[in-house]
């Protein structure tokens, strides 16, 4: 069984918000994952949809049938943090952390369940 990966680095949204969408497609086959992404209303859906399509394209390049693929794992890790300052009263400054995410998706082949056993 081959594993196909695709990565998205330094996506400018916090990992906590991206994980909500990533959890919805973890463990699903490709068709189900695409359907789920079409109906979720979150900003992270578009980049995850592109990343899923990129992983499918990687599978085609390796000669793997895309009908038998499923999302084996999807990880959302924290990336670099952009630090900014917000001026507040009496000349002080509060820190603002603009977080980024590193997203990795791994697709794997599943056994073809359409084969009938001979009895």
PDB file of N, CA and C in Angstrom:
ATOM      1  N   UNK A   1       0.831  -1.178   0.000  1.00  0.00           N
ATOM      2  CA  UNK A   1       0.000   0.000   0.000  1.00  0.00           C
ATOM      3  C   UNK A   1       0.878   1.244   0.000  1.00  0.00           C
ATOM      4  N   UNK A   2       0.643   2.090  -0.990  1.00  0.00           N
ATOM      5  CA  UNK A   2       1.407   3.315  -1.092  1.00  0.00           C
ATOM      6  C   UNK A   2       0.756   4.413  -0.264  1.00  0.00           C
ATOM      7  N   UNK A   3       1.605   5.319   0.212  1.00  0.00           N
ATOM      8  CA  UNK A   3       1.115   6.497   0.898  1.00  0.00           C
ATOM      9  C   UNK A   3       1.520   7.725   0.098  1.00  0.00           C
ATOM     10  N   UNK A   4       0.594   8.610  -0.099  1.00  0.00           N
ATOM     11  CA  UNK A   4       0.823   9.822  -0.868  1.00  0.00           C
ATOM     12  C   UNK A   4       0.680  11.000   0.077  1.00  0.00           C
ATOM     13  N   UNK A   5       1.643  11.938   0.018  1.00  0.00           N
ATOM     14  CA  UNK A   5       1.591  13.084   0.916  1.00  0.00           C
ATOM     15  C   UNK A   5       1.564  14.394   0.143  1.00  0.00           C
ATOM     16  N   UNK A   6       1.056  15.402   0.793  1.00  0.00           N
ATOM     17  CA  UNK A   6       1.088  16.777   0.288  1.00  0.00           C
ATOM     18  C   UNK A   6       1.163  17.692   1.508  1.00  0.00           C
ATOM     19  N   UNK A   7       1.871  18.818   1.348  1.00  0.00           N
ATOM     20  CA  UNK A   7       2.063  19.734   2.464  1.00  0.00           C
ATOM     21  C   UNK A   7       1.707  21.156   2.084  1.00  0.00           C
ATOM     22  N   UNK A   8       1.232  21.888   3.059  1.00  0.00           N
ATOM     23  CA  UNK A   8       1.004  23.326   2.935  1.00  0.00           C
ATOM     24  C   UNK A   8       1.686  23.963   4.133  1.00  0.00           C
ATOM     25  N   UNK A   9       2.701  24.779   3.870  1.00  0.00           N
ATOM     26  CA  UNK A   9       3.460  25.396   4.954  1.00  0.00           C
ATOM     27  C   UNK A   9       3.132  26.877   5.069  1.00  0.00           C
ATOM     28  N   UNK A  10       3.179  27.360   6.280  1.00  0.00           N
ATOM     29  CA  UNK A  10       3.001  28.777   6.616  1.00  0.00           C
ATOM     30  C   UNK A  10       1.673  29.334   6.124  1.00  0.00           C
ATOM     31  N   UNK A  11       0.603  28.593   6.326  1.00  0.00           N
ATOM     32  CA  UNK A  11      -0.733  29.097   6.012  1.00  0.00           C
ATOM     33  C   UNK A  11      -1.135  30.070   7.123  1.00  0.00           C
ATOM     34  N   UNK A  12      -1.556  31.274   6.766  1.00  0.00           N
ATOM     35  CA  UNK A  12      -1.779  32.364   7.713  1.00  0.00           C
ATOM     36  C   UNK A  12      -3.145  32.277   8.406  1.00  0.00           C
ATOM     37  N   UNK A  13      -3.313  31.220   9.167  1.00  0.00           N
ATOM     38  CA  UNK A  13      -4.470  31.076  10.044  1.00  0.00           C
ATOM     39  C   UNK A  13      -4.035  30.198  11.202  1.00  0.00           C
ATOM     40  N   UNK A  14      -4.619  30.411  12.351  1.00  0.00           N
ATOM     41  CA  UNK A  14      -4.167  29.680  13.533  1.00  0.00           C
ATOM     42  C   UNK A  14      -4.499  28.191  13.404  1.00  0.00           C
ATOM     43  N   UNK A  15      -3.629  27.322  13.913  1.00  0.00           N
ATOM     44  CA  UNK A  15      -3.855  25.876  13.819  1.00  0.00           C
ATOM     45  C   UNK A  15      -5.149  25.433  14.483  1.00  0.00           C
ATOM     46  N   UNK A  16      -5.533  26.108  15.544  1.00  0.00           N
ATOM     47  CA  UNK A  16      -6.753  25.742  16.268  1.00  0.00           C
ATOM     48  C   UNK A  16      -7.984  25.842  15.367  1.00  0.00           C
ATOM     49  N   UNK A  17      -8.033  26.872  14.519  1.00  0.00           N
ATOM     50  CA  UNK A  17      -9.171  27.067  13.629  1.00  0.00           C
ATOM     51  C   UNK A  17      -9.136  26.107  12.445  1.00  0.00           C
ATOM     52  N   UNK A  18      -7.924  25.754  11.986  1.00  0.00           N
ATOM     53  CA  UNK A  18      -7.797  24.851  10.844  1.00  0.00           C
ATOM     54  C   UNK A  18      -8.127  23.422  11.252  1.00  0.00           C
ATOM     55  N   UNK A  19      -7.801  23.054  12.500  1.00  0.00           N
ATOM     56  CA  UNK A  19      -8.054  21.692  12.979  1.00  0.00           C
ATOM     57  C   UNK A  19      -9.537  21.337  12.982  1.00  0.00           C
ATOM     58  N   UNK A  20     -10.400  22.311  13.163  1.00  0.00           N
ATOM     59  CA  UNK A  20     -11.846  22.060  13.158  1.00  0.00           C
ATOM     60  C   UNK A  20     -12.269  21.485  11.814  1.00  0.00           C
ATOM     61  N   UNK A  21     -11.734  22.039  10.729  1.00  0.00           N
ATOM     62  CA  UNK A  21     -12.065  21.557   9.384  1.00  0.00           C
ATOM     63  C   UNK A  21     -11.332  20.253   9.093  1.00  0.00           C
ATOM     64  N   UNK A  22     -10.073  20.151   9.534  1.00  0.00           N
ATOM     65  CA  UNK A  22      -9.279  18.951   9.276  1.00  0.00           C
ATOM     66  C   UNK A  22      -9.889  17.718   9.941  1.00  0.00           C
ATOM     67  N   UNK A  23     -10.455  17.896  11.122  1.00  0.00           N
ATOM     68  CA  UNK A  23     -11.075  16.769  11.827  1.00  0.00           C
ATOM     69  C   UNK A  23     -12.282  16.213  11.079  1.00  0.00           C
ATOM     70  N   UNK A  24     -12.923  17.064  10.287  1.00  0.00           N
ATOM     71  CA  UNK A  24     -14.121  16.629   9.564  1.00  0.00           C
ATOM     72  C   UNK A  24     -13.799  15.674   8.428  1.00  0.00           C
ATOM     73  N   UNK A  25     -12.579  15.740   7.861  1.00  0.00           N
ATOM     74  CA  UNK A  25     -12.273  14.882   6.713  1.00  0.00           C
ATOM     75  C   UNK A  25     -11.305  13.755   7.051  1.00  0.00           C
ATOM     76  N   UNK A  26     -10.810  13.709   8.259  1.00  0.00           N
ATOM     77  CA  UNK A  26      -9.870  12.655   8.653  1.00  0.00           C
ATOM     78  C   UNK A  26     -10.547  11.290   8.606  1.00  0.00           C
ATOM     79  N   UNK A  27      -9.926  10.324   7.906  1.00  0.00           N
ATOM     80  CA  UNK A  27     -10.450   8.966   7.834  1.00  0.00           C
ATOM     81  C   UNK A  27     -11.486   8.727   6.749  1.00  0.00           C
ATOM     82  N   UNK A  28     -11.874   9.745   6.041  1.00  0.00           N
ATOM     83  CA  UNK A  28     -12.900   9.610   4.997  1.00  0.00           C
ATOM     84  C   UNK A  28     -12.242   9.247   3.661  1.00  0.00           C
ATOM     85  N   UNK A  29     -13.038   8.645   2.758  1.00  0.00           N
ATOM     86  CA  UNK A  29     -12.503   8.437   1.416  1.00  0.00           C
ATOM     87  C   UNK A  29     -12.576   9.768   0.671  1.00  0.00           C
ATOM     88  N   UNK A  30     -11.950   9.805  -0.508  1.00  0.00           N
ATOM     89  CA  UNK A  30     -11.782  11.067  -1.222  1.00  0.00           C
ATOM     90  C   UNK A  30     -13.129  11.715  -1.575  1.00  0.00           C
ATOM     91  N   UNK A  31     -14.068  10.936  -2.065  1.00  0.00           N
ATOM     92  CA  UNK A  31     -15.363  11.488  -2.472  1.00  0.00           C
ATOM     93  C   UNK A  31     -16.103  12.090  -1.269  1.00  0.00           C
ATOM     94  N   UNK A  32     -16.085  11.383  -0.144  1.00  0.00           N
ATOM     95  CA  UNK A  32     -16.750  11.879   1.059  1.00  0.00           C
ATOM     96  C   UNK A  32     -16.088  13.149   1.575  1.00  0.00           C
ATOM     97  N   UNK A  33     -14.756  13.173   1.541  1.00  0.00           N
ATOM     98  CA  UNK A  33     -14.016  14.335   2.034  1.00  0.00           C
ATOM     99  C   UNK A  33     -14.336  15.573   1.213  1.00  0.00           C
ATOM    100  N   UNK A  34     -14.412  15.405  -0.116  1.00  0.00           N
ATOM    101  CA  UNK A  34     -14.745  16.551  -0.973  1.00  0.00           C
ATOM    102  C   UNK A  34     -16.164  17.044  -0.715  1.00  0.00           C
ATOM    103  N   UNK A  35     -17.105  16.109  -0.509  1.00  0.00           N
ATOM    104  CA  UNK A  35     -18.481  16.503  -0.201  1.00  0.00           C
ATOM    105  C   UNK A  35     -18.543  17.292   1.102  1.00  0.00           C
ATOM    106  N   UNK A  36     -17.843  16.793   2.124  1.00  0.00           N
ATOM    107  CA  UNK A  36     -17.841  17.471   3.416  1.00  0.00           C
ATOM    108  C   UNK A  36     -17.285  18.886   3.281  1.00  0.00           C
ATOM    109  N   UNK A  37     -16.191  19.025   2.522  1.00  0.00           N
ATOM    110  CA  UNK A  37     -15.568  20.336   2.377  1.00  0.00           C
ATOM    111  C   UNK A  37     -16.472  21.319   1.634  1.00  0.00           C
ATOM    112  N   UNK A  38     -17.327  20.812   0.754  1.00  0.00           N
ATOM    113  CA  UNK A  38     -18.230  21.694   0.013  1.00  0.00           C
ATOM    114  C   UNK A  38     -19.287  22.335   0.911  1.00  0.00           C
ATOM    115  N   UNK A  39     -19.619  21.688   2.031  1.00  0.00           N
ATOM    116  CA  UNK A  39     -20.710  22.175   2.862  1.00  0.00           C
ATOM    117  C   UNK A  39     -20.269  22.820   4.168  1.00  0.00           C
ATOM    118  N   UNK A  40     -18.969  22.890   4.410  1.00  0.00           N
ATOM    119  CA  UNK A  40     -18.469  23.537   5.626  1.00  0.00           C
ATOM    120  C   UNK A  40     -18.215  25.010   5.315  1.00  0.00           C
ATOM    121  N   UNK A  41     -18.683  25.871   6.203  1.00  0.00           N
ATOM    122  CA  UNK A  41     -18.512  27.307   5.991  1.00  0.00           C
ATOM    123  C   UNK A  41     -17.427  27.805   6.947  1.00  0.00           C
ATOM    124  N   UNK A  42     -16.182  27.645   6.532  1.00  0.00           N
ATOM    125  CA  UNK A  42     -15.027  28.129   7.288  1.00  0.00           C
ATOM    126  C   UNK A  42     -13.982  28.614   6.282  1.00  0.00           C
ATOM    127  N   UNK A  43     -13.109  29.517   6.727  1.00  0.00           N
ATOM    128  CA  UNK A  43     -12.098  30.059   5.839  1.00  0.00           C
ATOM    129  C   UNK A  43     -11.048  29.014   5.451  1.00  0.00           C
ATOM    130  N   UNK A  44     -10.814  28.020   6.289  1.00  0.00           N
ATOM    131  CA  UNK A  44      -9.784  27.016   6.048  1.00  0.00           C
ATOM    132  C   UNK A  44     -10.199  25.983   5.008  1.00  0.00           C
ATOM    133  N   UNK A  45     -11.428  26.001   4.551  1.00  0.00           N
ATOM    134  CA  UNK A  45     -11.913  24.990   3.610  1.00  0.00           C
ATOM    135  C   UNK A  45     -11.195  25.093   2.269  1.00  0.00           C
ATOM    136  N   UNK A  46     -11.040  26.302   1.755  1.00  0.00           N
ATOM    137  CA  UNK A  46     -10.438  26.483   0.426  1.00  0.00           C
ATOM    138  C   UNK A  46      -9.004  25.955   0.354  1.00  0.00           C
ATOM    139  N   UNK A  47      -8.117  26.317   1.285  1.00  0.00           N
ATOM    140  CA  UNK A  47      -6.764  25.759   1.217  1.00  0.00           C
ATOM    141  C   UNK A  47      -6.721  24.251   1.418  1.00  0.00           C
ATOM    142  N   UNK A  48      -7.599  23.714   2.271  1.00  0.00           N
ATOM    143  CA  UNK A  48      -7.613  22.265   2.471  1.00  0.00           C
ATOM    144  C   UNK A  48      -8.127  21.543   1.231  1.00  0.00           C
ATOM    145  N   UNK A  49      -9.070  22.153   0.534  1.00  0.00           N
ATOM    146  CA  UNK A  49      -9.579  21.573  -0.713  1.00  0.00           C
ATOM    147  C   UNK A  49      -8.461  21.546  -1.750  1.00  0.00           C
ATOM    148  N   UNK A  50      -7.702  22.634  -1.864  1.00  0.00           N
ATOM    149  CA  UNK A  50      -6.573  22.685  -2.793  1.00  0.00           C
ATOM    150  C   UNK A  50      -5.499  21.665  -2.425  1.00  0.00           C
ATOM    151  N   UNK A  51      -5.246  21.518  -1.121  1.00  0.00           N
ATOM    152  CA  UNK A  51      -4.247  20.558  -0.665  1.00  0.00           C
ATOM    153  C   UNK A  51      -4.688  19.124  -0.965  1.00  0.00           C
ATOM    154  N   UNK A  52      -5.961  18.833  -0.790  1.00  0.00           N
ATOM    155  CA  UNK A  52      -6.491  17.505  -1.118  1.00  0.00           C
ATOM    156  C   UNK A  52      -6.358  17.229  -2.612  1.00  0.00           C
ATOM    157  N   UNK A  53      -6.679  18.225  -3.440  1.00  0.00           N
ATOM    158  CA  UNK A  53      -6.520  18.061  -4.892  1.00  0.00           C
ATOM    159  C   UNK A  53      -5.058  17.871  -5.273  1.00  0.00           C
ATOM    160  N   UNK A  54      -4.154  18.541  -4.566  1.00  0.00           N
ATOM    161  CA  UNK A  54      -2.723  18.377  -4.819  1.00  0.00           C
ATOM    162  C   UNK A  54      -2.269  16.962  -4.479  1.00  0.00           C
ATOM    163  N   UNK A  55      -2.773  16.423  -3.378  1.00  0.00           N
ATOM    164  CA  UNK A  55      -2.421  15.051  -2.995  1.00  0.00           C
ATOM    165  C   UNK A  55      -2.964  14.048  -4.009  1.00  0.00           C
ATOM    166  N   UNK A  56      -4.163  14.308  -4.538  1.00  0.00           N
ATOM    167  CA  UNK A  56      -4.739  13.427  -5.564  1.00  0.00           C
ATOM    168  C   UNK A  56      -3.905  13.487  -6.839  1.00  0.00           C
ATOM    169  N   UNK A  57      -3.443  14.688  -7.198  1.00  0.00           N
ATOM    170  CA  UNK A  57      -2.575  14.828  -8.374  1.00  0.00           C
ATOM    171  C   UNK A  57      -1.251  14.099  -8.160  1.00  0.00           C
ATOM    172  N   UNK A  58      -0.720  14.138  -6.943  1.00  0.00           N
ATOM    173  CA  UNK A  58       0.502  13.398  -6.635  1.00  0.00           C
ATOM    174  C   UNK A  58       0.272  11.898  -6.789  1.00  0.00           C
ATOM    175  N   UNK A  59      -0.914  11.431  -6.410  1.00  0.00           N
ATOM    176  CA  UNK A  59      -1.243  10.008  -6.539  1.00  0.00           C
ATOM    177  C   UNK A  59      -1.308   9.606  -8.006  1.00  0.00           C
ATOM    178  N   UNK A  60      -1.899  10.472  -8.833  1.00  0.00           N
ATOM    179  CA  UNK A  60      -1.978  10.172 -10.262  1.00  0.00           C
ATOM    180  C   UNK A  60      -0.597  10.090 -10.883  1.00  0.00           C
ATOM    181  N   UNK A  61       0.314  10.969 -10.433  1.00  0.00           N
ATOM    182  CA  UNK A  61       1.686  10.935 -10.940  1.00  0.00           C
ATOM    183  C   UNK A  61       2.395   9.631 -10.584  1.00  0.00           C
ATOM    184  N   UNK A  62       2.034   9.068  -9.430  1.00  0.00           N
ATOM    185  CA  UNK A  62       2.635   7.809  -9.007  1.00  0.00           C
ATOM    186  C   UNK A  62       1.936   6.590  -9.595  1.00  0.00           C
ATOM    187  N   UNK A  63       0.839   6.802 -10.329  1.00  0.00           N
ATOM    188  CA  UNK A  63       0.124   5.709 -10.967  1.00  0.00           C
ATOM    189  C   UNK A  63      -0.836   4.972 -10.051  1.00  0.00           C
ATOM    190  N   UNK A  64      -1.325   5.634  -9.033  1.00  0.00           N
ATOM    191  CA  UNK A  64      -2.263   5.021  -8.086  1.00  0.00           C
ATOM    192  C   UNK A  64      -3.689   5.366  -8.517  1.00  0.00           C
ATOM    193  N   UNK A  65      -4.591   4.393  -8.421  1.00  0.00           N
ATOM    194  CA  UNK A  65      -5.997   4.646  -8.741  1.00  0.00           C
ATOM    195  C   UNK A  65      -6.602   5.538  -7.657  1.00  0.00           C
ATOM    196  N   UNK A  66      -7.220   6.619  -8.079  1.00  0.00           N
ATOM    197  CA  UNK A  66      -7.730   7.589  -7.110  1.00  0.00           C
ATOM    198  C   UNK A  66      -9.055   7.166  -6.483  1.00  0.00           C
ATOM    199  N   UNK A  67      -9.759   6.204  -7.067  1.00  0.00           N
ATOM    200  CA  UNK A  67     -11.042   5.777  -6.487  1.00  0.00           C
ATOM    201  C   UNK A  67     -10.847   5.049  -5.167  1.00  0.00           C
ATOM    202  N   UNK A  68      -9.675   4.445  -4.967  1.00  0.00           N
ATOM    203  CA  UNK A  68      -9.436   3.641  -3.775  1.00  0.00           C
ATOM    204  C   UNK A  68      -8.680   4.395  -2.684  1.00  0.00           C
ATOM    205  N   UNK A  69      -8.588   5.714  -2.782  1.00  0.00           N
ATOM    206  CA  UNK A  69      -7.819   6.475  -1.813  1.00  0.00           C
ATOM    207  C   UNK A  69      -8.701   6.961  -0.667  1.00  0.00           C
ATOM    208  N   UNK A  70      -8.091   7.063   0.511  1.00  0.00           N
ATOM    209  CA  UNK A  70      -8.765   7.660   1.655  1.00  0.00           C
ATOM    210  C   UNK A  70      -7.762   8.516   2.412  1.00  0.00           C
ATOM    211  N   UNK A  71      -8.269   9.425   3.210  1.00  0.00           N
ATOM    212  CA  UNK A  71      -7.423  10.313   3.999  1.00  0.00           C
ATOM    213  C   UNK A  71      -6.967   9.536   5.225  1.00  0.00           C
ATOM    214  N   UNK A  72      -5.722   9.071   5.180  1.00  0.00           N
ATOM    215  CA  UNK A  72      -5.204   8.292   6.294  1.00  0.00           C
ATOM    216  C   UNK A  72      -4.954   9.176   7.505  1.00  0.00           C
ATOM    217  N   UNK A  73      -4.283  10.295   7.273  1.00  0.00           N
ATOM    218  CA  UNK A  73      -4.066  11.230   8.375  1.00  0.00           C
ATOM    219  C   UNK A  73      -3.938  12.643   7.828  1.00  0.00           C
ATOM    220  N   UNK A  74      -4.316  13.580   8.648  1.00  0.00           N
ATOM    221  CA  UNK A  74      -4.138  14.990   8.323  1.00  0.00           C
ATOM    222  C   UNK A  74      -3.710  15.668   9.614  1.00  0.00           C
ATOM    223  N   UNK A  75      -2.544  16.301   9.575  1.00  0.00           N
ATOM    224  CA  UNK A  75      -2.012  16.943  10.771  1.00  0.00           C
ATOM    225  C   UNK A  75      -1.906  18.441  10.542  1.00  0.00           C
ATOM    226  N   UNK A  76      -2.247  19.172  11.565  1.00  0.00           N
ATOM    227  CA  UNK A  76      -2.148  20.631  11.529  1.00  0.00           C
ATOM    228  C   UNK A  76      -1.243  21.039  12.684  1.00  0.00           C
ATOM    229  N   UNK A  77      -0.056  21.504  12.351  1.00  0.00           N
ATOM    230  CA  UNK A  77       0.922  21.911  13.354  1.00  0.00           C
ATOM    231  C   UNK A  77       1.119  23.418  13.292  1.00  0.00           C
ATOM    232  N   UNK A  78       1.620  23.955  14.368  1.00  0.00           N
ATOM    233  CA  UNK A  78       1.887  25.386  14.415  1.00  0.00           C
ATOM    234  C   UNK A  78       3.134  25.735  13.637  1.00  0.00           C
ATOM    235  N   UNK A  79       3.096  26.846  12.943  1.00  0.00           N
ATOM    236  CA  UNK A  79       4.254  27.338  12.207  1.00  0.00           C
ATOM    237  C   UNK A  79       4.858  28.528  12.926  1.00  0.00           C
ATOM    238  N   UNK A  80       5.544  29.367  12.189  1.00  0.00           N
ATOM    239  CA  UNK A  80       6.131  30.561  12.778  1.00  0.00           C
ATOM    240  C   UNK A  80       5.030  31.502  13.260  1.00  0.00           C
ATOM    241  N   UNK A  81       5.352  32.274  14.278  1.00  0.00           N
ATOM    242  CA  UNK A  81       4.412  33.251  14.807  1.00  0.00           C
ATOM    243  C   UNK A  81       4.944  34.636  14.468  1.00  0.00           C
ATOM    244  N   UNK A  82       4.095  35.454  13.854  1.00  0.00           N
ATOM    245  CA  UNK A  82       4.455  36.828  13.559  1.00  0.00           C
ATOM    246  C   UNK A  82       4.064  37.677  14.762  1.00  0.00           C
ATOM    247  N   UNK A  83       5.047  38.345  15.363  1.00  0.00           N
ATOM    248  CA  UNK A  83       4.777  39.151  16.547  1.00  0.00           C
ATOM    249  C   UNK A  83       4.577  40.602  16.149  1.00  0.00           C
ATOM    250  N   UNK A  84       3.477  41.178  16.592  1.00  0.00           N
ATOM    251  CA  UNK A  84       3.167  42.581  16.370  1.00  0.00           C
ATOM    252  C   UNK A  84       2.841  43.213  17.718  1.00  0.00           C
ATOM    253  N   UNK A  85       2.827  44.517  17.768  1.00  0.00           N
ATOM    254  CA  UNK A  85       2.509  45.234  19.005  1.00  0.00           C
ATOM    255  C   UNK A  85       1.305  46.129  18.786  1.00  0.00           C
ATOM    256  N   UNK A  86       0.488  46.230  19.786  1.00  0.00           N
ATOM    257  CA  UNK A  86      -0.693  47.090  19.749  1.00  0.00           C
ATOM    258  C   UNK A  86      -0.495  48.192  20.792  1.00  0.00           C
ATOM    259  N   UNK A  87      -0.445  49.444  20.371  1.00  0.00           N
ATOM    260  CA  UNK A  87      -0.271  50.508  21.373  1.00  0.00           C
ATOM    261  C   UNK A  87      -1.523  50.654  22.245  1.00  0.00           C
ATOM    262  N   UNK A  88      -1.285  50.791  23.528  1.00  0.00           N
ATOM    263  CA  UNK A  88      -2.380  50.978  24.481  1.00  0.00           C
ATOM    264  C   UNK A  88      -2.031  52.167  25.384  1.00  0.00           C
ATOM    265  N   UNK A  89      -2.743  52.348  26.464  1.00  0.00           N
ATOM    266  CA  UNK A  89      -2.637  53.514  27.333  1.00  0.00           C
ATOM    267  C   UNK A  89      -1.236  53.705  27.918  1.00  0.00           C
ATOM    268  N   UNK A  90      -0.924  54.958  28.176  1.00  0.00           N
ATOM    269  CA  UNK A  90       0.310  55.372  28.865  1.00  0.00           C
ATOM    270  C   UNK A  90       1.576  54.874  28.182  1.00  0.00           C
ATOM    271  N   UNK A  91       1.568  54.809  26.870  1.00  0.00           N
ATOM    272  CA  UNK A  91       2.785  54.445  26.141  1.00  0.00           C
ATOM    273  C   UNK A  91       3.169  52.981  26.212  1.00  0.00           C
ATOM    274  N   UNK A  92       2.262  52.138  26.679  1.00  0.00           N
ATOM    275  CA  UNK A  92       2.573  50.706  26.758  1.00  0.00           C
ATOM    276  C   UNK A  92       2.168  50.019  25.457  1.00  0.00           C
ATOM    277  N   UNK A  93       2.514  48.752  25.326  1.00  0.00           N
ATOM    278  CA  UNK A  93       2.169  47.993  24.124  1.00  0.00           C
ATOM    279  C   UNK A  93       1.799  46.573  24.516  1.00  0.00           C
ATOM    280  N   UNK A  94       0.731  46.070  23.919  1.00  0.00           N
ATOM    281  CA  UNK A  94       0.334  44.681  24.128  1.00  0.00           C
ATOM    282  C   UNK A  94       0.773  43.860  22.926  1.00  0.00           C
ATOM    283  N   UNK A  95       1.270  42.637  23.166  1.00  0.00           N
ATOM    284  CA  UNK A  95       1.696  41.804  22.038  1.00  0.00           C
ATOM    285  C   UNK A  95       0.512  41.193  21.293  1.00  0.00           C
ATOM    286  N   UNK A  96       0.647  41.089  19.989  1.00  0.00           N
ATOM    287  CA  UNK A  96      -0.334  40.396  19.158  1.00  0.00           C
ATOM    288  C   UNK A  96       0.412  39.299  18.430  1.00  0.00           C
ATOM    289  N   UNK A  97      -0.068  38.070  18.565  1.00  0.00           N
ATOM    290  CA  UNK A  97       0.575  36.927  17.914  1.00  0.00           C
ATOM    291  C   UNK A  97      -0.259  36.502  16.718  1.00  0.00           C
ATOM    292  N   UNK A  98       0.315  36.648  15.528  1.00  0.00           N
ATOM    293  CA  UNK A  98      -0.368  36.215  14.314  1.00  0.00           C
ATOM    294  C   UNK A  98       0.185  34.834  13.969  1.00  0.00           C
ATOM    295  N   UNK A  99      -0.628  33.820  14.197  1.00  0.00           N
ATOM    296  CA  UNK A  99      -0.150  32.435  14.085  1.00  0.00           C
ATOM    297  C   UNK A  99      -0.275  31.895  12.666  1.00  0.00           C
ATOM    298  N   UNK A 100       0.599  30.944  12.338  1.00  0.00           N
ATOM    299  CA  UNK A 100       0.556  30.272  11.043  1.00  0.00           C
ATOM    300  C   UNK A 100       0.460  28.769  11.280  1.00  0.00           C
ATOM    301  N   UNK A 101       0.100  28.039  10.227  1.00  0.00           N
ATOM    302  CA  UNK A 101      -0.101  26.593  10.327  1.00  0.00           C
ATOM    303  C   UNK A 101       0.704  25.867   9.263  1.00  0.00           C
ATOM    304  N   UNK A 102       1.179  24.683   9.626  1.00  0.00           N
ATOM    305  CA  UNK A 102       1.769  23.743   8.677  1.00  0.00           C
ATOM    306  C   UNK A 102       0.795  22.567   8.593  1.00  0.00           C
ATOM    307  N   UNK A 103       0.271  22.293   7.398  1.00  0.00           N
ATOM    308  CA  UNK A 103      -0.733  21.236   7.221  1.00  0.00           C
ATOM    309  C   UNK A 103      -0.127  20.131   6.362  1.00  0.00           C
ATOM    310  N   UNK A 104      -0.230  18.900   6.804  1.00  0.00           N
ATOM    311  CA  UNK A 104       0.249  17.741   6.061  1.00  0.00           C
ATOM    312  C   UNK A 104      -0.895  16.750   5.916  1.00  0.00           C
ATOM    313  N   UNK A 105      -1.115  16.291   4.693  1.00  0.00           N
ATOM    314  CA  UNK A 105      -2.170  15.310   4.441  1.00  0.00           C
ATOM    315  C   UNK A 105      -1.525  14.052   3.865  1.00  0.00           C
ATOM    316  N   UNK A 106      -1.950  12.894   4.356  1.00  0.00           N
ATOM    317  CA  UNK A 106      -1.441  11.602   3.888  1.00  0.00           C
ATOM    318  C   UNK A 106      -2.622  10.784   3.386  1.00  0.00           C
ATOM    319  N   UNK A 107      -2.558  10.387   2.120  1.00  0.00           N
ATOM    320  CA  UNK A 107      -3.581   9.525   1.523  1.00  0.00           C
ATOM    321  C   UNK A 107      -3.030   8.112   1.436  1.00  0.00           C
ATOM    322  N   UNK A 108      -3.887   7.123   1.600  1.00  0.00           N
ATOM    323  CA  UNK A 108      -3.457   5.734   1.458  1.00  0.00           C
ATOM    324  C   UNK A 108      -4.489   4.970   0.648  1.00  0.00           C
ATOM    325  N   UNK A 109      -4.030   3.893   0.041  1.00  0.00           N
ATOM    326  CA  UNK A 109      -4.918   3.041  -0.745  1.00  0.00           C
ATOM    327  C   UNK A 109      -5.718   2.146   0.197  1.00  0.00           C
ATOM    328  N   UNK A 110      -6.960   1.917  -0.150  1.00  0.00           N
ATOM    329  CA  UNK A 110      -7.776   0.974   0.589  1.00  0.00           C
ATOM    330  C   UNK A 110      -8.035  -0.240  -0.297  1.00  0.00           C
ATOM    331  N   UNK A 111      -8.381  -1.332   0.341  1.00  0.00           N
ATOM    332  CA  UNK A 111      -8.716  -2.523  -0.435  1.00  0.00           C
ATOM    333  C   UNK A 111     -10.028  -2.278  -1.157  1.00  0.00           C
ATOM    334  N   UNK A 112     -10.124  -2.767  -2.352  1.00  0.00           N
ATOM    335  CA  UNK A 112     -11.338  -2.587  -3.149  1.00  0.00           C
ATOM    336  C   UNK A 112     -12.451  -3.425  -2.543  1.00  0.00           C
ATOM    337  N   UNK A 113     -13.450  -2.770  -1.976  1.00  0.00           N
ATOM    338  CA  UNK A 113     -14.541  -3.479  -1.302  1.00  0.00           C
ATOM    339  C   UNK A 113     -15.605  -3.957  -2.276  1.00  0.00           C
ATOM    340  N   UNK A 114     -15.474  -3.625  -3.562  1.00  0.00           N
ATOM    341  CA  UNK A 114     -16.461  -4.032  -4.549  1.00  0.00           C
ATOM    342  C   UNK A 114     -16.259  -5.464  -5.044  1.00  0.00           C
ATOM    343  N   UNK A 115     -15.123  -6.067  -4.694  1.00  0.00           N
ATOM    344  CA  UNK A 115     -14.872  -7.440  -5.117  1.00  0.00           C
ATOM    345  C   UNK A 115     -15.739  -8.400  -4.316  1.00  0.00           C
ATOM    346  N   UNK A 116     -16.375  -9.325  -5.007  1.00  0.00           N
ATOM    347  CA  UNK A 116     -17.227 -10.294  -4.330  1.00  0.00           C
ATOM    348  C   UNK A 116     -16.412 -11.554  -4.049  1.00  0.00           C
ATOM    349  N   UNK A 117     -16.615 -12.107  -2.875  1.00  0.00           N
ATOM    350  CA  UNK A 117     -15.899 -13.332  -2.543  1.00  0.00           C
ATOM    351  C   UNK A 117     -16.614 -14.524  -3.182  1.00  0.00           C
ATOM    352  N   UNK A 118     -15.812 -15.497  -3.591  1.00  0.00           N
ATOM    353  CA  UNK A 118     -16.366 -16.708  -4.208  1.00  0.00           C
ATOM    354  C   UNK A 118     -16.716 -17.712  -3.129  1.00  0.00           C
ATOM    355  N   UNK A 119     -17.961 -18.116  -3.056  1.00  0.00           N
ATOM    356  CA  UNK A 119     -18.401 -19.089  -2.050  1.00  0.00           C
ATOM    357  C   UNK A 119     -18.778 -20.381  -2.707  1.00  0.00           C
TER     358      UNK A 119
END
